[in-house]
All heavy atoms as atom14 arrays in JSON, in Angstrom:
{
  "sequence": "PEAAASVNSPVCINETINLTASGGVSYSWTGPDSFSSTLQNPSIAGA",
  "atom14_mask": [
    [1, 1, 1, 1, 1, 1, 1, 0, 0, 0, 0, 0, 0, 0],
    [1, 1, 1, 1, 1, 1, 1, 1, 1, 0, 0, 0, 0, 0],
    [1, 1, 1, 1, 1, 0, 0, 0, 0, 0, 0, 0, 0, 0],
    [1, 1, 1, 1, 1, 0, 0, 0, 0, 0, 0, 0, 0, 0],
    [1, 1, 1, 1, 1, 0, 0, 0, 0, 0, 0, 0, 0, 0],
    [1, 1, 1, 1, 1, 1, 0, 0, 0, 0, 0, 0, 0, 0],
    [1, 1, 1, 1, 1, 1, 1, 0, 0, 0, 0, 0, 0, 0],
    [1, 1, 1, 1, 1, 1, 1, 1, 0, 0, 0, 0, 0, 0],
    [1, 1, 1, 1, 1, 1, 0, 0, 0, 0, 0, 0, 0, 0],
    [1, 1, 1, 1, 1, 1, 1, 0, 0, 0, 0, 0, 0, 0],
    [1, 1, 1, 1, 1, 1, 1, 0, 0, 0, 0, 0, 0, 0],
    [1, 1, 1, 1, 1, 1, 0, 0, 0, 0, 0, 0, 0, 0],
    [1, 1, 1, 1, 1, 1, 1, 1, 0, 0, 0, 0, 0, 0],
    [1, 1, 1, 1, 1, 1, 1, 1, 0, 0, 0, 0, 0, 0],
    [1, 1, 1, 1, 1, 1, 1, 1, 1, 0, 0, 0, 0, 0],
    [1, 1, 1, 1, 1, 1, 1, 0, 0, 0, 0, 0, 0, 0],
    [1, 1, 1, 1, 1, 1, 1, 1, 0, 0, 0, 0, 0, 0],
    [1, 1, 1, 1, 1, 1, 1, 1, 0, 0, 0, 0, 0, 0],
    [1, 1, 1, 1, 1, 1, 1, 1, 0, 0, 0, 0, 0, 0],
    [1, 1, 1, 1, 1, 1, 1, 0, 0, 0, 0, 0, 0, 0],
    [1, 1, 1, 1, 1, 0, 0, 0, 0, 0, 0, 0, 0, 0],
    [1, 1, 1, 1, 1, 1, 0, 0, 0, 0, 0, 0, 0, 0],
    [1, 1, 1, 1, 0, 0, 0, 0, 0, 0, 0, 0, 0, 0],
    [1, 1, 1, 1, 0, 0, 0, 0, 0, 0, 0, 0, 0, 0],
    [1, 1, 1, 1, 1, 1, 1, 0, 0, 0, 0, 0, 0, 0],
    [1, 1, 1, 1, 1, 1, 0, 0, 0, 0, 0, 0, 0, 0],
    [1, 1, 1, 1, 1, 1, 1, 1, 1, 1, 1, 1, 0, 0],
    [1, 1, 1, 1, 1, 1, 0, 0, 0, 0, 0, 0, 0, 0],
    [1, 1, 1, 1, 1, 1, 1, 1, 1, 1, 1, 1, 1, 1],
    [1, 1, 1, 1, 1, 1, 1, 0, 0, 0, 0, 0, 0, 0],
    [1, 1, 1, 1, 0, 0, 0, 0, 0, 0, 0, 0, 0, 0],
    [1, 1, 1, 1, 1, 1, 1, 0, 0, 0, 0, 0, 0, 0],
    [1, 1, 1, 1, 1, 1, 1, 1, 0, 0, 0, 0, 0, 0],
    [1, 1, 1, 1, 1, 1, 0, 0, 0, 0, 0, 0, 0, 0],
    [1, 1, 1, 1, 1, 1, 1, 1, 1, 1, 1, 0, 0, 0],
    [1, 1, 1, 1, 1, 1, 0, 0, 0, 0, 0, 0, 0, 0],
    [1, 1, 1, 1, 1, 1, 0, 0, 0, 0, 0, 0, 0, 0],
    [1, 1, 1, 1, 1, 1, 1, 0, 0, 0, 0, 0, 0, 0],
    [1, 1, 1, 1, 1, 1, 1, 1, 0, 0, 0, 0, 0, 0],
    [1, 1, 1, 1, 1, 1, 1, 1, 1, 0, 0, 0, 0, 0],
    [1, 1, 1, 1, 1, 1, 1, 1, 0, 0, 0, 0, 0, 0],
    [1, 1, 1, 1, 1, 1, 1, 0, 0, 0, 0, 0, 0, 0],
    [1, 1, 1, 1, 1, 1, 0, 0, 0, 0, 0, 0, 0, 0],
    [1, 1, 1, 1, 1, 1, 1, 1, 0, 0, 0, 0, 0, 0],
    [1, 1, 1, 1, 1, 0, 0, 0, 0, 0, 0, 0, 0, 0],
    [1, 1, 1, 1, 0, 0, 0, 0, 0, 0, 0, 0, 0, 0],
    [1, 1, 1, 1, 1, 0, 0, 0, 0, 0, 0, 0, 0, 0]
  ],
  "atom14_positions": [
    [[0.84, -1.2, 0.0], [0.0, 0.0, 0.0], [0.87, 1.25, 0.0], [2.01, 1.24, 0.48], [-0.79, -0.11, 1.31], [0.03, -0.99, 2.19], [0.72, -1.96, 1.27], [0.0, 0.0, 0.0], [0.0, 0.0, 0.0], [0.0, 0.0, 0.0], [0.0, 0.0, 0.0], [0.0, 0.0, 0.0], [0.0, 0.0, 0.0], [0.0, 0.0, 0.0]],
    [[0.33, 2.34, -0.53], [1.02, 3.63, -0.49], [0.56, 4.36, 0.77], [-0.33, 5.21, 0.73], [0.74, 4.42, -1.75], [1.3, 3.76, -3.01], [1.08, 4.59, -4.26], [0.59, 5.73, -4.13], [1.39, 4.1, -5.36], [0.0, 0.0, 0.0], [0.0, 0.0, 0.0], [0.0, 0.0, 0.0], [0.0, 0.0, 0.0], [0.0, 0.0, 0.0]],
    [[1.17, 4.0, 1.88], [0.75, 4.52, 3.19], [1.11, 5.99, 3.32], [2.21, 6.42, 2.95], [1.41, 3.71, 4.3], [0.0, 0.0, 0.0], [0.0, 0.0, 0.0], [0.0, 0.0, 0.0], [0.0, 0.0, 0.0], [0.0, 0.0, 0.0], [0.0, 0.0, 0.0], [0.0, 0.0, 0.0], [0.0, 0.0, 0.0], [0.0, 0.0, 0.0]],
    [[0.19, 6.77, 3.9], [0.43, 8.19, 4.15], [-0.22, 8.57, 5.48], [-1.26, 8.03, 5.85], [-0.12, 9.04, 3.02], [0.0, 0.0, 0.0], [0.0, 0.0, 0.0], [0.0, 0.0, 0.0], [0.0, 0.0, 0.0], [0.0, 0.0, 0.0], [0.0, 0.0, 0.0], [0.0, 0.0, 0.0], [0.0, 0.0, 0.0], [0.0, 0.0, 0.0]],
    [[0.41, 9.49, 6.2], [-0.12, 9.94, 7.48], [0.11, 11.44, 7.64], [1.13, 11.97, 7.17], [0.55, 9.18, 8.63], [0.0, 0.0, 0.0], [0.0, 0.0, 0.0], [0.0, 0.0, 0.0], [0.0, 0.0, 0.0], [0.0, 0.0, 0.0], [0.0, 0.0, 0.0], [0.0, 0.0, 0.0], [0.0, 0.0, 0.0], [0.0, 0.0, 0.0]],
    [[-0.82, 12.11, 8.33], [-0.66, 13.54, 8.6], [-1.39, 13.89, 9.88], [-2.16, 13.08, 10.43], [-1.19, 14.38, 7.43], [-2.57, 14.13, 7.22], [0.0, 0.0, 0.0], [0.0, 0.0, 0.0], [0.0, 0.0, 0.0], [0.0, 0.0, 0.0], [0.0, 0.0, 0.0], [0.0, 0.0, 0.0], [0.0, 0.0, 0.0], [0.0, 0.0, 0.0]],
    [[-1.16, 15.1, 10.39], [-1.76, 15.53, 11.66], [-1.83, 17.06, 11.68], [-1.05, 17.74, 10.99], [-0.93, 15.01, 12.86], [0.45, 15.66, 12.89], [-1.66, 15.18, 14.17], [0.0, 0.0, 0.0], [0.0, 0.0, 0.0], [0.0, 0.0, 0.0], [0.0, 0.0, 0.0], [0.0, 0.0, 0.0], [0.0, 0.0, 0.0], [0.0, 0.0, 0.0]],
    [[-2.73, 17.58, 12.49], [-2.9, 19.03, 12.62], [-1.96, 19.6, 13.68], [-2.36, 20.23, 14.65], [-4.35, 19.36, 12.99], [-4.75, 18.76, 14.34], [-4.32, 17.65, 14.68], [-5.58, 19.47, 15.1], [0.0, 0.0, 0.0], [0.0, 0.0, 0.0], [0.0, 0.0, 0.0], [0.0, 0.0, 0.0], [0.0, 0.0, 0.0], [0.0, 0.0, 0.0]],
    [[-0.68, 19.37, 13.5], [0.32, 19.83, 14.48], [0.95, 21.13, 14.0], [1.1, 21.34, 12.77], [1.4, 18.76, 14.62], [2.4, 19.14, 15.52], [0.0, 0.0, 0.0], [0.0, 0.0, 0.0], [0.0, 0.0, 0.0], [0.0, 0.0, 0.0], [0.0, 0.0, 0.0], [0.0, 0.0, 0.0], [0.0, 0.0, 0.0], [0.0, 0.0, 0.0]],
    [[1.33, 22.04, 14.95], [1.27, 21.87, 16.41], [-0.12, 22.19, 16.96], [-0.92, 22.87, 16.3], [2.3, 22.89, 16.89], [2.25, 23.98, 15.87], [2.02, 23.28, 14.56], [0.0, 0.0, 0.0], [0.0, 0.0, 0.0], [0.0, 0.0, 0.0], [0.0, 0.0, 0.0], [0.0, 0.0, 0.0], [0.0, 0.0, 0.0], [0.0, 0.0, 0.0]],
    [[-0.38, 21.69, 18.17], [-1.62, 22.01, 18.89], [-1.25, 22.48, 20.29], [-0.12, 22.29, 20.76], [-2.56, 20.79, 18.98], [-3.02, 20.34, 17.6], [-1.89, 19.64, 19.73], [0.0, 0.0, 0.0], [0.0, 0.0, 0.0], [0.0, 0.0, 0.0], [0.0, 0.0, 0.0], [0.0, 0.0, 0.0], [0.0, 0.0, 0.0], [0.0, 0.0, 0.0]],
    [[-2.21, 23.09, 20.96], [-2.0, 23.55, 22.34], [-2.58, 22.54, 23.32], [-3.42, 21.7, 22.96], [-2.67, 24.9, 22.55], [-1.91, 26.24, 21.61], [0.0, 0.0, 0.0], [0.0, 0.0, 0.0], [0.0, 0.0, 0.0], [0.0, 0.0, 0.0], [0.0, 0.0, 0.0], [0.0, 0.0, 0.0], [0.0, 0.0, 0.0], [0.0, 0.0, 0.0]],
    [[-2.14, 22.61, 24.55], [-2.69, 21.75, 25.6], [-4.22, 21.89, 25.62], [-4.77, 23.0, 25.45], [-2.09, 22.14, 26.97], [-0.65, 21.63, 27.06], [-2.91, 21.58, 28.12], [0.05, 22.01, 28.35], [0.0, 0.0, 0.0], [0.0, 0.0, 0.0], [0.0, 0.0, 0.0], [0.0, 0.0, 0.0], [0.0, 0.0, 0.0], [0.0, 0.0, 0.0]],
    [[-4.89, 20.76, 25.78], [-6.35, 20.65, 25.86], [-7.04, 20.74, 24.5], [-8.26, 20.57, 24.42], [-6.97, 21.67, 26.83], [-6.56, 21.39, 28.25], [-6.44, 20.22, 28.66], [-6.33, 22.45, 29.04], [0.0, 0.0, 0.0], [0.0, 0.0, 0.0], [0.0, 0.0, 0.0], [0.0, 0.0, 0.0], [0.0, 0.0, 0.0], [0.0, 0.0, 0.0]],
    [[-6.29, 21.0, 23.44], [-6.9, 20.96, 22.12], [-6.97, 19.5, 21.64], [-6.53, 18.58, 22.32], [-6.11, 21.82, 21.14], [-6.24, 23.31, 21.41], [-5.56, 24.16, 20.36], [-4.7, 23.63, 19.62], [-5.87, 25.36, 20.29], [0.0, 0.0, 0.0], [0.0, 0.0, 0.0], [0.0, 0.0, 0.0], [0.0, 0.0, 0.0], [0.0, 0.0, 0.0]],
    [[-7.51, 19.29, 20.45], [-7.7, 17.95, 19.91], [-6.67, 17.65, 18.82], [-6.46, 18.46, 17.92], [-9.12, 17.78, 19.33], [-10.07, 17.97, 20.38], [-9.31, 16.39, 18.73], [0.0, 0.0, 0.0], [0.0, 0.0, 0.0], [0.0, 0.0, 0.0], [0.0, 0.0, 0.0], [0.0, 0.0, 0.0], [0.0, 0.0, 0.0], [0.0, 0.0, 0.0]],
    [[-6.03, 16.5, 18.96], [-5.1, 16.02, 17.93], [-5.91, 15.21, 16.91], [-6.59, 14.24, 17.27], [-4.0, 15.15, 18.55], [-3.19, 15.93, 19.57], [-3.1, 14.56, 17.46], [-2.25, 15.07, 20.4], [0.0, 0.0, 0.0], [0.0, 0.0, 0.0], [0.0, 0.0, 0.0], [0.0, 0.0, 0.0], [0.0, 0.0, 0.0], [0.0, 0.0, 0.0]],
    [[-5.82, 15.6, 15.64], [-6.54, 14.9, 14.58], [-5.54, 14.2, 13.65], [-4.82, 14.86, 12.9], [-7.4, 15.87, 13.78], [-8.5, 16.49, 14.62], [-9.2, 15.78, 15.35], [-8.66, 17.8, 14.52], [0.0, 0.0, 0.0], [0.0, 0.0, 0.0], [0.0, 0.0, 0.0], [0.0, 0.0, 0.0], [0.0, 0.0, 0.0], [0.0, 0.0, 0.0]],
    [[-5.5, 12.88, 13.73], [-4.62, 12.08, 12.88], [-5.38, 11.61, 11.65], [-6.56, 11.24, 11.75], [-4.1, 10.87, 13.66], [-3.25, 11.16, 14.9], [-3.18, 9.93, 15.79], [-1.86, 11.6, 14.48], [0.0, 0.0, 0.0], [0.0, 0.0, 0.0], [0.0, 0.0, 0.0], [0.0, 0.0, 0.0], [0.0, 0.0, 0.0], [0.0, 0.0, 0.0]],
    [[-4.73, 11.6, 10.51], [-5.36, 11.1, 9.28], [-4.4, 10.16, 8.56], [-3.19, 10.34, 8.6], [-5.75, 12.25, 8.34], [-4.58, 13.0, 7.99], [-6.76, 13.17, 8.99], [0.0, 0.0, 0.0], [0.0, 0.0, 0.0], [0.0, 0.0, 0.0], [0.0, 0.0, 0.0], [0.0, 0.0, 0.0], [0.0, 0.0, 0.0], [0.0, 0.0, 0.0]],
    [[-4.97, 9.15, 7.9], [-4.18, 8.18, 7.14], [-4.92, 7.81, 5.87], [-6.14, 7.97, 5.76], [-3.92, 6.93, 7.98], [0.0, 0.0, 0.0], [0.0, 0.0, 0.0], [0.0, 0.0, 0.0], [0.0, 0.0, 0.0], [0.0, 0.0, 0.0], [0.0, 0.0, 0.0], [0.0, 0.0, 0.0], [0.0, 0.0, 0.0], [0.0, 0.0, 0.0]],
    [[-4.15, 7.29, 4.9], [-4.75, 6.84, 3.64], [-3.88, 5.76, 3.03], [-2.74, 5.54, 3.46], [-4.91, 8.01, 2.67], [-3.64, 8.56, 2.35], [0.0, 0.0, 0.0], [0.0, 0.0, 0.0], [0.0, 0.0, 0.0], [0.0, 0.0, 0.0], [0.0, 0.0, 0.0], [0.0, 0.0, 0.0], [0.0, 0.0, 0.0], [0.0, 0.0, 0.0]],
    [[-4.45, 5.09, 2.01], [-3.66, 4.12, 1.25], [-4.05, 2.68, 1.4], [-3.47, 1.8, 0.75], [0.0, 0.0, 0.0], [0.0, 0.0, 0.0], [0.0, 0.0, 0.0], [0.0, 0.0, 0.0], [0.0, 0.0, 0.0], [0.0, 0.0, 0.0], [0.0, 0.0, 0.0], [0.0, 0.0, 0.0], [0.0, 0.0, 0.0], [0.0, 0.0, 0.0]],
    [[-5.03, 2.37, 2.27], [-5.35, 0.96, 2.49], [-6.82, 0.72, 2.8], [-7.68, 1.6, 2.59], [0.0, 0.0, 0.0], [0.0, 0.0, 0.0], [0.0, 0.0, 0.0], [0.0, 0.0, 0.0], [0.0, 0.0, 0.0], [0.0, 0.0, 0.0], [0.0, 0.0, 0.0], [0.0, 0.0, 0.0], [0.0, 0.0, 0.0], [0.0, 0.0, 0.0]],
    [[-7.08, -0.45, 3.33], [-8.45, -0.82, 3.73], [-8.56, -1.0, 5.24], [-9.66, -1.06, 5.77], [-8.91, -2.11, 3.01], [-8.98, -1.9, 1.5], [-7.99, -3.29, 3.33], [0.0, 0.0, 0.0], [0.0, 0.0, 0.0], [0.0, 0.0, 0.0], [0.0, 0.0, 0.0], [0.0, 0.0, 0.0], [0.0, 0.0, 0.0], [0.0, 0.0, 0.0]],
    [[-7.44, -1.1, 5.94], [-7.46, -1.15, 7.4], [-6.22, -0.46, 7.94], [-5.19, -0.35, 7.25], [-7.56, -2.59, 7.91], [-6.4, -3.33, 7.61], [0.0, 0.0, 0.0], [0.0, 0.0, 0.0], [0.0, 0.0, 0.0], [0.0, 0.0, 0.0], [0.0, 0.0, 0.0], [0.0, 0.0, 0.0], [0.0, 0.0, 0.0], [0.0, 0.0, 0.0]],
    [[-6.33, -0.01, 9.21], [-5.29, 0.84, 9.79], [-5.06, 0.48, 11.25], [-6.0, 0.1, 11.96], [-5.71, 2.32, 9.68], [-5.99, 2.75, 8.26], [-7.23, 2.52, 7.67], [-5.0, 3.35, 7.49], [-7.49, 2.89, 6.35], [-5.23, 3.73, 6.18], [-6.48, 3.49, 5.62], [-6.71, 3.86, 4.32], [0.0, 0.0, 0.0], [0.0, 0.0, 0.0]],
    [[-3.83, 0.64, 11.68], [-3.48, 0.4, 13.08], [-2.46, 1.44, 13.51], [-1.32, 1.45, 13.02], [-2.92, -1.02, 13.27], [-2.54, -1.24, 14.62], [0.0, 0.0, 0.0], [0.0, 0.0, 0.0], [0.0, 0.0, 0.0], [0.0, 0.0, 0.0], [0.0, 0.0, 0.0], [0.0, 0.0, 0.0], [0.0, 0.0, 0.0], [0.0, 0.0, 0.0]],
    [[-2.87, 2.32, 14.45], [-2.03, 3.41, 14.93], [-1.38, 3.06, 16.26], [-1.98, 2.4, 17.11], [-2.87, 4.66, 15.14], [-3.31, 5.4, 13.92], [-4.48, 5.23, 13.24], [-2.62, 6.47, 13.27], [-4.57, 6.11, 12.19], [-3.43, 6.89, 12.18], [-1.4, 7.11, 13.49], [-3.05, 7.92, 11.33], [-1.02, 8.13, 12.64], [-1.84, 8.53, 11.57]],
    [[-0.15, 3.53, 16.46], [0.5, 3.53, 17.77], [1.19, 4.87, 17.93], [1.53, 5.54, 16.96], [1.54, 2.4, 17.91], [2.55, 2.55, 16.9], [0.89, 1.02, 17.79], [0.0, 0.0, 0.0], [0.0, 0.0, 0.0], [0.0, 0.0, 0.0], [0.0, 0.0, 0.0], [0.0, 0.0, 0.0], [0.0, 0.0, 0.0], [0.0, 0.0, 0.0]],
    [[1.37, 5.27, 19.21], [2.01, 6.55, 19.45], [2.36, 6.76, 20.89], [2.22, 5.85, 21.74], [0.0, 0.0, 0.0], [0.0, 0.0, 0.0], [0.0, 0.0, 0.0], [0.0, 0.0, 0.0], [0.0, 0.0, 0.0], [0.0, 0.0, 0.0], [0.0, 0.0, 0.0], [0.0, 0.0, 0.0], [0.0, 0.0, 0.0], [0.0, 0.0, 0.0]],
    [[2.82, 7.97, 21.23], [3.22, 8.29, 22.6], [2.08, 8.12, 23.59], [0.9, 8.1, 23.23], [3.64, 9.76, 22.5], [3.95, 9.99, 21.06], [3.01, 9.1, 20.31], [0.0, 0.0, 0.0], [0.0, 0.0, 0.0], [0.0, 0.0, 0.0], [0.0, 0.0, 0.0], [0.0, 0.0, 0.0], [0.0, 0.0, 0.0], [0.0, 0.0, 0.0]],
    [[2.46, 8.01, 24.86], [1.48, 7.9, 25.95], [0.58, 6.68, 25.78], [-0.61, 6.73, 26.1], [0.64, 9.19, 26.03], [0.17, 9.5, 27.44], [0.82, 9.03, 28.4], [-0.85, 10.19, 27.58], [0.0, 0.0, 0.0], [0.0, 0.0, 0.0], [0.0, 0.0, 0.0], [0.0, 0.0, 0.0], [0.0, 0.0, 0.0], [0.0, 0.0, 0.0]],
    [[1.17, 5.59, 25.24], [0.46, 4.3, 25.05], [-0.74, 4.41, 24.12], [-1.7, 3.64, 24.23], [0.02, 3.74, 26.41], [1.13, 3.54, 27.26], [0.0, 0.0, 0.0], [0.0, 0.0, 0.0], [0.0, 0.0, 0.0], [0.0, 0.0, 0.0], [0.0, 0.0, 0.0], [0.0, 0.0, 0.0], [0.0, 0.0, 0.0], [0.0, 0.0, 0.0]],
    [[-0.69, 5.33, 23.19], [-1.8, 5.5, 22.26], [-1.88, 4.35, 21.26], [-0.86, 3.9, 20.74], [-1.68, 6.82, 21.5], [-2.7, 6.97, 20.41], [-4.0, 7.3, 20.72], [-2.37, 6.75, 19.08], [-4.96, 7.43, 19.72], [-3.31, 6.89, 18.08], [-4.61, 7.22, 18.4], [0.0, 0.0, 0.0], [0.0, 0.0, 0.0], [0.0, 0.0, 0.0]],
    [[-3.09, 3.9, 20.96], [-3.34, 2.93, 19.89], [-4.76, 3.11, 19.38], [-5.66, 3.52, 20.13], [-3.12, 1.49, 20.36], [-4.07, 1.14, 21.35], [0.0, 0.0, 0.0], [0.0, 0.0, 0.0], [0.0, 0.0, 0.0], [0.0, 0.0, 0.0], [0.0, 0.0, 0.0], [0.0, 0.0, 0.0], [0.0, 0.0, 0.0], [0.0, 0.0, 0.0]],
    [[-4.95, 2.81, 18.11], [-6.27, 2.93, 17.5], [-6.31, 2.15, 16.21], [-5.29, 2.04, 15.51], [-6.63, 4.4, 17.24], [-7.86, 4.51, 16.54], [0.0, 0.0, 0.0], [0.0, 0.0, 0.0], [0.0, 0.0, 0.0], [0.0, 0.0, 0.0], [0.0, 0.0, 0.0], [0.0, 0.0, 0.0], [0.0, 0.0, 0.0], [0.0, 0.0, 0.0]],
    [[-7.47, 1.61, 15.87], [-7.67, 0.94, 14.58], [-8.56, 1.77, 13.66], [-9.0, 1.28, 12.62], [-8.27, -0.46, 14.77], [-9.48, -0.36, 15.52], [-7.3, -1.37, 15.51], [0.0, 0.0, 0.0], [0.0, 0.0, 0.0], [0.0, 0.0, 0.0], [0.0, 0.0, 0.0], [0.0, 0.0, 0.0], [0.0, 0.0, 0.0], [0.0, 0.0, 0.0]],
    [[-8.82, 3.03, 14.05], [-9.57, 3.93, 13.18], [-8.64, 4.48, 12.09], [-7.44, 4.65, 12.32], [-10.16, 5.08, 13.97], [-11.21, 4.72, 15.03], [-11.62, 5.98, 15.8], [-12.42, 4.08, 14.38], [0.0, 0.0, 0.0], [0.0, 0.0, 0.0], [0.0, 0.0, 0.0], [0.0, 0.0, 0.0], [0.0, 0.0, 0.0], [0.0, 0.0, 0.0]],
    [[-9.22, 4.79, 10.95], [-8.4, 5.39, 9.9], [-7.96, 6.79, 10.3], [-6.79, 7.16, 10.1], [-9.18, 5.44, 8.59], [-8.39, 6.08, 7.44], [-9.13, 6.08, 6.12], [-10.24, 5.54, 6.03], [-8.55, 6.68, 5.09], [0.0, 0.0, 0.0], [0.0, 0.0, 0.0], [0.0, 0.0, 0.0], [0.0, 0.0, 0.0], [0.0, 0.0, 0.0]],
    [[-8.88, 7.57, 10.87], [-8.61, 8.97, 11.22], [-9.02, 9.23, 12.67], [-10.04, 9.88, 12.93], [-9.37, 9.91, 10.27], [-9.03, 9.68, 8.82], [-7.86, 9.56, 8.46], [-10.05, 9.61, 7.97], [0.0, 0.0, 0.0], [0.0, 0.0, 0.0], [0.0, 0.0, 0.0], [0.0, 0.0, 0.0], [0.0, 0.0, 0.0], [0.0, 0.0, 0.0]],
    [[-8.24, 8.77, 13.62], [-8.61, 8.95, 15.03], [-8.34, 10.37, 15.52], [-7.48, 11.08, 14.98], [-7.71, 7.95, 15.75], [-6.5, 7.85, 14.88], [-7.01, 7.97, 13.47], [0.0, 0.0, 0.0], [0.0, 0.0, 0.0], [0.0, 0.0, 0.0], [0.0, 0.0, 0.0], [0.0, 0.0, 0.0], [0.0, 0.0, 0.0], [0.0, 0.0, 0.0]],
    [[-9.09, 10.77, 16.54], [-8.88, 12.06, 17.2], [-8.58, 11.82, 18.67], [-9.13, 10.9, 19.29], [-10.12, 12.94, 17.06], [-10.33, 13.3, 15.7], [0.0, 0.0, 0.0], [0.0, 0.0, 0.0], [0.0, 0.0, 0.0], [0.0, 0.0, 0.0], [0.0, 0.0, 0.0], [0.0, 0.0, 0.0], [0.0, 0.0, 0.0], [0.0, 0.0, 0.0]],
    [[-7.72, 12.67, 19.24], [-7.35, 12.56, 20.65], [-7.67, 13.89, 21.3], [-7.0, 14.9, 21.06], [-5.85, 12.23, 20.83], [-5.44, 11.05, 19.94], [-5.54, 11.95, 22.29], [-3.94, 10.81, 19.89], [0.0, 0.0, 0.0], [0.0, 0.0, 0.0], [0.0, 0.0, 0.0], [0.0, 0.0, 0.0], [0.0, 0.0, 0.0], [0.0, 0.0, 0.0]],
    [[-8.71, 13.9, 22.14], [-9.12, 15.13, 22.81], [-8.25, 15.37, 24.04], [-7.65, 14.46, 24.6], [-10.59, 15.04, 23.2], [0.0, 0.0, 0.0], [0.0, 0.0, 0.0], [0.0, 0.0, 0.0], [0.0, 0.0, 0.0], [0.0, 0.0, 0.0], [0.0, 0.0, 0.0], [0.0, 0.0, 0.0], [0.0, 0.0, 0.0], [0.0, 0.0, 0.0]],
    [[-8.22, 16.64, 24.47], [-7.51, 16.98, 25.69], [-6.02, 16.74, 25.61], [-5.43, 16.07, 26.47], [0.0, 0.0, 0.0], [0.0, 0.0, 0.0], [0.0, 0.0, 0.0], [0.0, 0.0, 0.0], [0.0, 0.0, 0.0], [0.0, 0.0, 0.0], [0.0, 0.0, 0.0], [0.0, 0.0, 0.0], [0.0, 0.0, 0.0], [0.0, 0.0, 0.0]],
    [[-5.38, 17.29, 24.61], [-3.95, 17.05, 24.38], [-3.11, 17.49, 25.58], [-3.39, 18.51, 26.22], [-3.49, 17.78, 23.14], [0.0, 0.0, 0.0], [0.0, 0.0, 0.0], [0.0, 0.0, 0.0], [0.0, 0.0, 0.0], [0.0, 0.0, 0.0], [0.0, 0.0, 0.0], [0.0, 0.0, 0.0], [0.0, 0.0, 0.0], [0.0, 0.0, 0.0]]
  ]
}
């Protein structure tokens, strides 16, 4: 797949982080602070 990822960075504390991905039919995210998600475009409130 032609995997791509982007985010609305930078953000301020308490704002929402919006992650976006493309290129496939299923997605698996990992990140800081033990973050994980199987959504294509997950959001993390309360940054």
